Amino acid sequence: MIYPLRLALSLLTTLPVGRLKNPTPSDLGRAALAYPLVGLLLGGLVALGALPLQQGPPLLGAALLLLLWVLLTGALHLDGLADTADAWVGSHGARQRALTLLKDPLCGPMGVTALIGLLLVKLAALSALLSDGHSGVIASVPLAARGALLALLLSLPPARPDGMAAAVMAQLPRRSGWWVVAATVATFITLWGTTAIGLTLAIGLALLLYRRWLRGWLHGVTGDTAGAFCELLEAGLLVAWVYR
């Protein structure tokens, strides 16, 4: 499991993992099983970064913490969110047009708007959590989001036969994957108690709605739409922790 974890870290974060051999399709599939573990590590690092920032102005601390979060992930899923927003608006619901726009490396006005809106929500939520002294709950957010991301990949077909998402999903061990999702839910609830139960139900509902939307629009999932789901879920969870 060490190589799949290192591969997952190299794909989802900017953390140094050393030299890796060229991954096979099977390696990519097994690496997806480590996504929640990567989320747990990311959450721990962000939560640790929040500790010294609780002593200063919460807005400044939130800005620095959000910058750390983005640097650790390399803005990977933010890119997916921007591409998804551009494709949704620009395609007018047309599947093939959307798949073409998702491959466009340029970021349009809707993508920029989505990025600004999401980052503002995260910034405000982080500021509230820091000012209330509840920075520890931040550790749970990347874990839960990446567990839900794995569930999304397990529950939908790829929207197109090429691309990273299709390669991962073709070799993703499905039974093991669902066991990992179950373990992620159990860990989330064990760490955060009864509040996490309600949040887990909300995550499940968000997954069902997002899955239904993707089925109707793209007939499946892409790497960009999976990344967008992860970002939207992280923002939603931060807001939920503020209003818990």
C-alpha atoms as a PDB file:
ATOM      1  CA  MET A   1       0.000   0.000   0.000  1.00  0.00           C
ATOM      2  CA  ILE A   2       3.026   2.311   0.312  1.00  0.00           C
ATOM      3  CA  TYR A   3       3.456   2.873  -3.423  1.00  0.00           C
ATOM      4  CA  PRO A   4      -0.273   3.592  -4.039  1.00  0.00           C
ATOM      5  CA  LEU A   5      -0.201   6.093  -1.171  1.00  0.00           C
ATOM      6  CA  ARG A   6       2.906   7.804  -2.526  1.00  0.00           C
ATOM      7  CA  LEU A   7       1.320   7.885  -5.975  1.00  0.00           C
ATOM      8  CA  ALA A   8      -1.903   9.356  -4.567  1.00  0.00           C
ATOM      9  CA  LEU A   9       0.126  11.997  -2.735  1.00  0.00           C
ATOM     10  CA  SER A  10       1.961  12.885  -5.946  1.00  0.00           C
ATOM     11  CA  LEU A  11      -1.344  13.203  -7.816  1.00  0.00           C
ATOM     12  CA  LEU A  12      -3.362  15.129  -5.231  1.00  0.00           C
ATOM     13  CA  THR A  13      -0.758  17.191  -3.385  1.00  0.00           C
ATOM     14  CA  THR A  14       2.529  19.018  -3.811  1.00  0.00           C
ATOM     15  CA  LEU A  15       4.149  17.086  -0.949  1.00  0.00           C
ATOM     16  CA  PRO A  16       7.522  15.526  -1.831  1.00  0.00           C
ATOM     17  CA  VAL A  17       7.292  11.757  -2.293  1.00  0.00           C
ATOM     18  CA  GLY A  18      10.591  11.016  -4.040  1.00  0.00           C
ATOM     19  CA  ARG A  19      11.038   9.462  -7.440  1.00  0.00           C
ATOM     20  CA  LEU A  20       8.250   7.175  -8.618  1.00  0.00           C
ATOM     21  CA  LYS A  21       8.239   4.664 -11.436  1.00  0.00           C
ATOM     22  CA  ASN A  22       5.847   5.338 -14.276  1.00  0.00           C
ATOM     23  CA  PRO A  23       2.440   4.232 -12.933  1.00  0.00           C
ATOM     24  CA  THR A  24       0.491   1.506 -14.681  1.00  0.00           C
ATOM     25  CA  PRO A  25      -3.313   1.718 -15.018  1.00  0.00           C
ATOM     26  CA  SER A  26      -3.524  -0.756 -12.140  1.00  0.00           C
ATOM     27  CA  ASP A  27      -1.359   1.530  -9.997  1.00  0.00           C
ATOM     28  CA  LEU A  28      -3.667   4.470 -10.691  1.00  0.00           C
ATOM     29  CA  GLY A  29      -6.701   2.429  -9.674  1.00  0.00           C
ATOM     30  CA  ARG A  30      -5.140   1.270  -6.409  1.00  0.00           C
ATOM     31  CA  ALA A  31      -3.908   4.794  -5.673  1.00  0.00           C
ATOM     32  CA  ALA A  32      -7.530   5.972  -5.604  1.00  0.00           C
ATOM     33  CA  LEU A  33      -8.063   3.792  -2.528  1.00  0.00           C
ATOM     34  CA  ALA A  34      -5.620   6.073  -0.703  1.00  0.00           C
ATOM     35  CA  TYR A  35      -7.486   9.313  -1.502  1.00  0.00           C
ATOM     36  CA  PRO A  36      -9.180   9.522   1.943  1.00  0.00           C
ATOM     37  CA  LEU A  37      -5.836   8.876   3.643  1.00  0.00           C
ATOM     38  CA  VAL A  38      -4.362  11.735   1.640  1.00  0.00           C
ATOM     39  CA  GLY A  39      -7.286  13.858   2.808  1.00  0.00           C
ATOM     40  CA  LEU A  40      -6.572  12.929   6.427  1.00  0.00           C
ATOM     41  CA  LEU A  41      -2.941  13.955   6.016  1.00  0.00           C
ATOM     42  CA  LEU A  42      -3.885  17.229   4.327  1.00  0.00           C
ATOM     43  CA  GLY A  43      -6.414  18.010   7.021  1.00  0.00           C
ATOM     44  CA  GLY A  44      -3.871  17.326   9.734  1.00  0.00           C
ATOM     45  CA  LEU A  45      -1.324  19.633   8.143  1.00  0.00           C
ATOM     46  CA  VAL A  46      -3.852  22.441   7.665  1.00  0.00           C
ATOM     47  CA  ALA A  47      -5.107  22.040  11.228  1.00  0.00           C
ATOM     48  CA  LEU A  48      -1.535  22.188  12.532  1.00  0.00           C
ATOM     49  CA  GLY A  49      -0.980  25.339  10.496  1.00  0.00           C
ATOM     50  CA  ALA A  50      -4.070  26.836  12.126  1.00  0.00           C
ATOM     51  CA  LEU A  51      -2.751  26.508  15.684  1.00  0.00           C
ATOM     52  CA  PRO A  52      -0.362  29.501  15.702  1.00  0.00           C
ATOM     53  CA  LEU A  53      -2.786  31.564  13.620  1.00  0.00           C
ATOM     54  CA  GLN A  54      -5.491  31.494  16.292  1.00  0.00           C
ATOM     55  CA  GLN A  55      -3.580  34.106  18.275  1.00  0.00           C
ATOM     56  CA  GLY A  56      -3.750  36.827  15.620  1.00  0.00           C
ATOM     57  CA  PRO A  57      -6.439  38.582  13.579  1.00  0.00           C
ATOM     58  CA  PRO A  58      -8.816  35.846  12.347  1.00  0.00           C
ATOM     59  CA  LEU A  59      -9.190  37.246   8.825  1.00  0.00           C
ATOM     60  CA  LEU A  60      -5.446  37.410   8.267  1.00  0.00           C
ATOM     61  CA  GLY A  61      -5.037  33.959   9.791  1.00  0.00           C
ATOM     62  CA  ALA A  62      -7.762  32.585   7.528  1.00  0.00           C
ATOM     63  CA  ALA A  63      -6.091  34.075   4.453  1.00  0.00           C
ATOM     64  CA  LEU A  64      -2.747  32.518   5.358  1.00  0.00           C
ATOM     65  CA  LEU A  65      -4.393  29.189   6.144  1.00  0.00           C
ATOM     66  CA  LEU A  66      -6.294  29.172   2.860  1.00  0.00           C
ATOM     67  CA  LEU A  67      -3.066  29.956   1.004  1.00  0.00           C
ATOM     68  CA  LEU A  68      -1.388  27.008   2.747  1.00  0.00           C
ATOM     69  CA  TRP A  69      -4.315  24.778   1.773  1.00  0.00           C
ATOM     70  CA  VAL A  70      -4.097  25.811  -1.876  1.00  0.00           C
ATOM     71  CA  LEU A  71      -0.306  25.373  -1.942  1.00  0.00           C
ATOM     72  CA  LEU A  72      -0.533  21.884  -0.443  1.00  0.00           C
ATOM     73  CA  THR A  73      -3.031  20.760  -3.093  1.00  0.00           C
ATOM     74  CA  GLY A  74      -1.445  22.634  -5.988  1.00  0.00           C
ATOM     75  CA  ALA A  75      -4.901  24.117  -6.760  1.00  0.00           C
ATOM     76  CA  LEU A  76      -5.684  20.837  -8.539  1.00  0.00           C
ATOM     77  CA  HIS A  77      -9.364  20.680  -7.663  1.00  0.00           C
ATOM     78  CA  LEU A  78      -9.785  24.436  -8.021  1.00  0.00           C
ATOM     79  CA  ASP A  79      -8.783  24.004 -11.656  1.00  0.00           C
ATOM     80  CA  GLY A  80     -11.477  21.340 -11.976  1.00  0.00           C
ATOM     81  CA  LEU A  81     -14.060  23.674 -10.473  1.00  0.00           C
ATOM     82  CA  ALA A  82     -13.190  26.467 -12.916  1.00  0.00           C
ATOM     83  CA  ASP A  83     -13.315  24.119 -15.913  1.00  0.00           C
ATOM     84  CA  THR A  84     -16.627  22.638 -14.770  1.00  0.00           C
ATOM     85  CA  ALA A  85     -18.222  26.069 -14.330  1.00  0.00           C
ATOM     86  CA  ASP A  86     -17.058  27.192 -17.765  1.00  0.00           C
ATOM     87  CA  ALA A  87     -18.259  23.976 -19.401  1.00  0.00           C
ATOM     88  CA  TRP A  88     -21.662  24.067 -17.694  1.00  0.00           C
ATOM     89  CA  VAL A  89     -22.429  27.628 -18.739  1.00  0.00           C
ATOM     90  CA  GLY A  90     -20.745  27.492 -22.159  1.00  0.00           C
ATOM     91  CA  SER A  91     -22.255  24.194 -23.269  1.00  0.00           C
ATOM     92  CA  HIS A  92     -25.893  25.151 -22.599  1.00  0.00           C
ATOM     93  CA  GLY A  93     -26.436  21.557 -21.502  1.00  0.00           C
ATOM     94  CA  ALA A  94     -24.994  19.988 -24.675  1.00  0.00           C
ATOM     95  CA  ARG A  95     -22.876  16.991 -23.659  1.00  0.00           C
ATOM     96  CA  GLN A  96     -20.336  16.945 -26.481  1.00  0.00           C
ATOM     97  CA  ARG A  97     -19.810  20.686 -26.317  1.00  0.00           C
ATOM     98  CA  ALA A  98     -19.255  20.384 -22.551  1.00  0.00           C
ATOM     99  CA  LEU A  99     -16.645  17.637 -22.968  1.00  0.00           C
ATOM    100  CA  THR A 100     -14.796  19.846 -25.459  1.00  0.00           C
ATOM    101  CA  LEU A 101     -14.864  22.831 -23.101  1.00  0.00           C
ATOM    102  CA  LEU A 102     -13.636  20.700 -20.204  1.00  0.00           C
ATOM    103  CA  LYS A 103     -10.433  20.065 -22.175  1.00  0.00           C
ATOM    104  CA  ASP A 104      -9.900  23.785 -22.851  1.00  0.00           C
ATOM    105  CA  PRO A 105      -6.922  24.970 -20.738  1.00  0.00           C
ATOM    106  CA  LEU A 106      -8.173  28.574 -20.718  1.00  0.00           C
ATOM    107  CA  CYS A 107     -10.288  29.863 -17.819  1.00  0.00           C
ATOM    108  CA  GLY A 108     -13.353  31.862 -18.795  1.00  0.00           C
ATOM    109  CA  PRO A 109     -15.352  34.417 -16.786  1.00  0.00           C
ATOM    110  CA  MET A 110     -17.637  31.822 -15.213  1.00  0.00           C
ATOM    111  CA  GLY A 111     -14.646  29.800 -14.092  1.00  0.00           C
ATOM    112  CA  VAL A 112     -13.058  32.866 -12.509  1.00  0.00           C
ATOM    113  CA  THR A 113     -16.353  33.763 -10.829  1.00  0.00           C
ATOM    114  CA  ALA A 114     -16.724  30.251  -9.423  1.00  0.00           C
ATOM    115  CA  LEU A 115     -13.166  30.326  -8.059  1.00  0.00           C
ATOM    116  CA  ILE A 116     -13.610  33.734  -6.415  1.00  0.00           C
ATOM    117  CA  GLY A 117     -16.950  32.767  -4.906  1.00  0.00           C
ATOM    118  CA  LEU A 118     -15.704  29.483  -3.488  1.00  0.00           C
ATOM    119  CA  LEU A 119     -12.489  30.966  -2.089  1.00  0.00           C
ATOM    120  CA  LEU A 120     -14.458  33.775  -0.432  1.00  0.00           C
ATOM    121  CA  VAL A 121     -16.746  31.243   1.241  1.00  0.00           C
ATOM    122  CA  LYS A 122     -13.771  29.214   2.451  1.00  0.00           C
ATOM    123  CA  LEU A 123     -12.012  32.337   3.681  1.00  0.00           C
ATOM    124  CA  ALA A 124     -15.037  33.524   5.662  1.00  0.00           C
ATOM    125  CA  ALA A 125     -15.657  30.082   7.159  1.00  0.00           C
ATOM    126  CA  LEU A 126     -12.010  29.649   8.160  1.00  0.00           C
ATOM    127  CA  SER A 127     -12.031  33.082   9.754  1.00  0.00           C
ATOM    128  CA  ALA A 128     -15.109  32.161  11.809  1.00  0.00           C
ATOM    129  CA  LEU A 129     -13.604  28.858  12.913  1.00  0.00           C
ATOM    130  CA  LEU A 130     -10.338  30.513  13.925  1.00  0.00           C
ATOM    131  CA  SER A 131     -12.070  33.260  15.895  1.00  0.00           C
ATOM    132  CA  ASP A 132     -14.167  30.668  17.758  1.00  0.00           C
ATOM    133  CA  GLY A 133     -11.144  28.490  18.521  1.00  0.00           C
ATOM    134  CA  HIS A 134     -12.513  25.540  16.555  1.00  0.00           C
ATOM    135  CA  SER A 135      -9.668  25.124  14.088  1.00  0.00           C
ATOM    136  CA  GLY A 136      -9.353  21.419  14.946  1.00  0.00           C
ATOM    137  CA  VAL A 137     -12.500  20.546  12.988  1.00  0.00           C
ATOM    138  CA  ILE A 138     -10.738  21.740   9.831  1.00  0.00           C
ATOM    139  CA  ALA A 139      -8.816  18.442   9.881  1.00  0.00           C
ATOM    140  CA  SER A 140     -12.014  16.517   9.114  1.00  0.00           C
ATOM    141  CA  VAL A 141     -12.912  18.422   5.953  1.00  0.00           C
ATOM    142  CA  PRO A 142     -10.341  17.081   3.418  1.00  0.00           C
ATOM    143  CA  LEU A 143     -10.860  13.548   4.786  1.00  0.00           C
ATOM    144  CA  ALA A 144     -14.628  13.615   4.306  1.00  0.00           C
ATOM    145  CA  ALA A 145     -14.411  15.337   0.918  1.00  0.00           C
ATOM    146  CA  ARG A 146     -11.970  12.791  -0.503  1.00  0.00           C
ATOM    147  CA  GLY A 147     -13.971   9.911   0.880  1.00  0.00           C
ATOM    148  CA  ALA A 148     -16.988  11.283  -0.969  1.00  0.00           C
ATOM    149  CA  LEU A 149     -14.801  11.797  -4.053  1.00  0.00           C
ATOM    150  CA  LEU A 150     -13.916   8.096  -3.993  1.00  0.00           C
ATOM    151  CA  ALA A 151     -17.607   7.221  -3.653  1.00  0.00           C
ATOM    152  CA  LEU A 152     -18.381   9.403  -6.683  1.00  0.00           C
ATOM    153  CA  LEU A 153     -15.779   7.579  -8.780  1.00  0.00           C
ATOM    154  CA  LEU A 154     -17.206   4.237  -7.663  1.00  0.00           C
ATOM    155  CA  SER A 155     -20.812   5.117  -8.443  1.00  0.00           C
ATOM    156  CA  LEU A 156     -20.557   6.623 -11.948  1.00  0.00           C
ATOM    157  CA  PRO A 157     -19.018   5.583 -15.264  1.00  0.00           C
ATOM    158  CA  PRO A 158     -16.391   7.795 -16.915  1.00  0.00           C
ATOM    159  CA  ALA A 159     -17.905  10.440 -19.181  1.00  0.00           C
ATOM    160  CA  ARG A 160     -15.325   9.684 -21.888  1.00  0.00           C
ATOM    161  CA  PRO A 161     -13.021   6.728 -22.529  1.00  0.00           C
ATOM    162  CA  ASP A 162      -9.774   8.714 -22.372  1.00  0.00           C
ATOM    163  CA  GLY A 163      -8.319  10.879 -19.646  1.00  0.00           C
ATOM    164  CA  MET A 164      -7.034  10.326 -16.125  1.00  0.00           C
ATOM    165  CA  ALA A 165     -10.447   9.684 -14.566  1.00  0.00           C
ATOM    166  CA  ALA A 166     -11.222   6.901 -17.031  1.00  0.00           C
ATOM    167  CA  ALA A 167      -7.842   5.265 -16.380  1.00  0.00           C
ATOM    168  CA  VAL A 168      -8.363   5.409 -12.615  1.00  0.00           C
ATOM    169  CA  MET A 169     -11.952   4.171 -12.716  1.00  0.00           C
ATOM    170  CA  ALA A 170     -11.185   1.280 -15.066  1.00  0.00           C
ATOM    171  CA  GLN A 171      -8.760  -0.244 -12.557  1.00  0.00           C
ATOM    172  CA  LEU A 172     -10.327   0.909  -9.288  1.00  0.00           C
ATOM    173  CA  PRO A 173     -11.027  -2.169  -7.098  1.00  0.00           C
ATOM    174  CA  ARG A 174     -14.723  -1.659  -6.457  1.00  0.00           C
ATOM    175  CA  ARG A 175     -15.263  -3.881  -3.441  1.00  0.00           C
ATOM    176  CA  SER A 176     -12.152  -2.564  -1.711  1.00  0.00           C
ATOM    177  CA  GLY A 177     -13.194   0.950  -2.669  1.00  0.00           C
ATOM    178  CA  TRP A 178     -16.540   0.701  -0.892  1.00  0.00           C
ATOM    179  CA  TRP A 179     -14.814  -0.732   2.178  1.00  0.00           C
ATOM    180  CA  VAL A 180     -12.507   2.297   2.177  1.00  0.00           C
ATOM    181  CA  VAL A 181     -15.530   4.620   1.927  1.00  0.00           C
ATOM    182  CA  ALA A 182     -17.135   2.820   4.867  1.00  0.00           C
ATOM    183  CA  ALA A 183     -13.912   3.103   6.886  1.00  0.00           C
ATOM    184  CA  THR A 184     -13.752   6.819   6.076  1.00  0.00           C
ATOM    185  CA  VAL A 185     -17.300   7.339   7.337  1.00  0.00           C
ATOM    186  CA  ALA A 186     -16.521   5.371  10.500  1.00  0.00           C
ATOM    187  CA  THR A 187     -13.373   7.414  11.112  1.00  0.00           C
ATOM    188  CA  PHE A 188     -15.224  10.688  10.532  1.00  0.00           C
ATOM    189  CA  ILE A 189     -17.967   9.782  13.010  1.00  0.00           C
ATOM    190  CA  THR A 190     -15.524   8.371  15.570  1.00  0.00           C
ATOM    191  CA  LEU A 191     -13.456  11.554  15.545  1.00  0.00           C
ATOM    192  CA  TRP A 192     -16.300  14.065  15.647  1.00  0.00           C
ATOM    193  CA  GLY A 193     -19.247  12.295  17.267  1.00  0.00           C
ATOM    194  CA  THR A 194     -22.918  13.047  16.757  1.00  0.00           C
ATOM    195  CA  THR A 195     -22.310  16.186  14.712  1.00  0.00           C
ATOM    196  CA  ALA A 196     -20.507  14.053  12.140  1.00  0.00           C
ATOM    197  CA  ILE A 197     -23.549  11.801  11.766  1.00  0.00           C
ATOM    198  CA  GLY A 198     -25.660  14.684  10.495  1.00  0.00           C
ATOM    199  CA  LEU A 199     -22.842  15.870   8.263  1.00  0.00           C
ATOM    200  CA  THR A 200     -22.426  12.360   6.848  1.00  0.00           C
ATOM    201  CA  LEU A 201     -26.101  12.283   5.894  1.00  0.00           C
ATOM    202  CA  ALA A 202     -25.722  15.705   4.262  1.00  0.00           C
ATOM    203  CA  ILE A 203     -22.664  14.507   2.332  1.00  0.00           C
ATOM    204  CA  GLY A 204     -24.615  11.473   1.152  1.00  0.00           C
ATOM    205  CA  LEU A 205     -27.436  13.700  -0.096  1.00  0.00           C
ATOM    206  CA  ALA A 206     -24.958  16.007  -1.851  1.00  0.00           C
ATOM    207  CA  LEU A 207     -23.367  12.974  -3.509  1.00  0.00           C
ATOM    208  CA  LEU A 208     -26.719  11.698  -4.766  1.00  0.00           C
ATOM    209  CA  LEU A 209     -27.709  15.105  -6.166  1.00  0.00           C
ATOM    210  CA  TYR A 210     -24.342  15.736  -7.811  1.00  0.00           C
ATOM    211  CA  ARG A 211     -24.323  12.208  -9.246  1.00  0.00           C
ATOM    212  CA  ARG A 212     -27.812  12.733 -10.699  1.00  0.00           C
ATOM    213  CA  TRP A 213     -26.754  16.059 -12.224  1.00  0.00           C
ATOM    214  CA  LEU A 214     -23.682  14.519 -13.868  1.00  0.00           C
ATOM    215  CA  ARG A 215     -25.722  11.606 -15.245  1.00  0.00           C
ATOM    216  CA  GLY A 216     -28.121  14.001 -16.899  1.00  0.00           C
ATOM    217  CA  TRP A 217     -25.426  16.333 -18.205  1.00  0.00           C
ATOM    218  CA  LEU A 218     -22.349  14.267 -19.113  1.00  0.00           C
ATOM    219  CA  HIS A 219     -23.644  10.702 -18.582  1.00  0.00           C
ATOM    220  CA  GLY A 220     -20.678  10.175 -16.273  1.00  0.00           C
ATOM    221  CA  VAL A 221     -17.826  11.822 -14.399  1.00  0.00           C
ATOM    222  CA  THR A 222     -14.551  13.413 -15.495  1.00  0.00           C
ATOM    223  CA  GLY A 223     -11.488  14.397 -13.506  1.00  0.00           C
ATOM    224  CA  ASP A 224     -12.570  18.053 -13.592  1.00  0.00           C
ATOM    225  CA  THR A 225     -16.106  17.392 -12.362  1.00  0.00           C
ATOM    226  CA  ALA A 226     -14.747  15.111  -9.632  1.00  0.00           C
ATOM    227  CA  GLY A 227     -12.383  17.872  -8.524  1.00  0.00           C
ATOM    228  CA  ALA A 228     -15.204  20.404  -8.560  1.00  0.00           C
ATOM    229  CA  PHE A 229     -17.252  18.122  -6.303  1.00  0.00           C
ATOM    230  CA  CYS A 230     -14.372  17.901  -3.846  1.00  0.00           C
ATOM    231  CA  GLU A 231     -14.005  21.694  -3.683  1.00  0.00           C
ATOM    232  CA  LEU A 232     -17.739  22.348  -3.334  1.00  0.00           C
ATOM    233  CA  LEU A 233     -17.996  19.745  -0.602  1.00  0.00           C
ATOM    234  CA  GLU A 234     -15.047  21.197   1.310  1.00  0.00           C
ATOM    235  CA  ALA A 235     -16.626  24.655   1.234  1.00  0.00           C
ATOM    236  CA  GLY A 236     -19.993  23.260   2.290  1.00  0.00           C
ATOM    237  CA  LEU A 237     -18.462  21.317   5.179  1.00  0.00           C
ATOM    238  CA  LEU A 238     -16.585  24.369   6.456  1.00  0.00           C
ATOM    239  CA  VAL A 239     -19.819  26.354   6.439  1.00  0.00           C
ATOM    240  CA  ALA A 240     -21.638  23.484   8.175  1.00  0.00           C
ATOM    241  CA  TRP A 241     -19.018  23.384  10.941  1.00  0.00           C
ATOM    242  CA  VAL A 242     -19.485  27.129  11.496  1.00  0.00           C
ATOM    243  CA  TYR A 243     -23.283  26.743  11.860  1.00  0.00           C
ATOM    244  CA  ARG A 244     -23.262  23.357  13.619  1.00  0.00           C
END
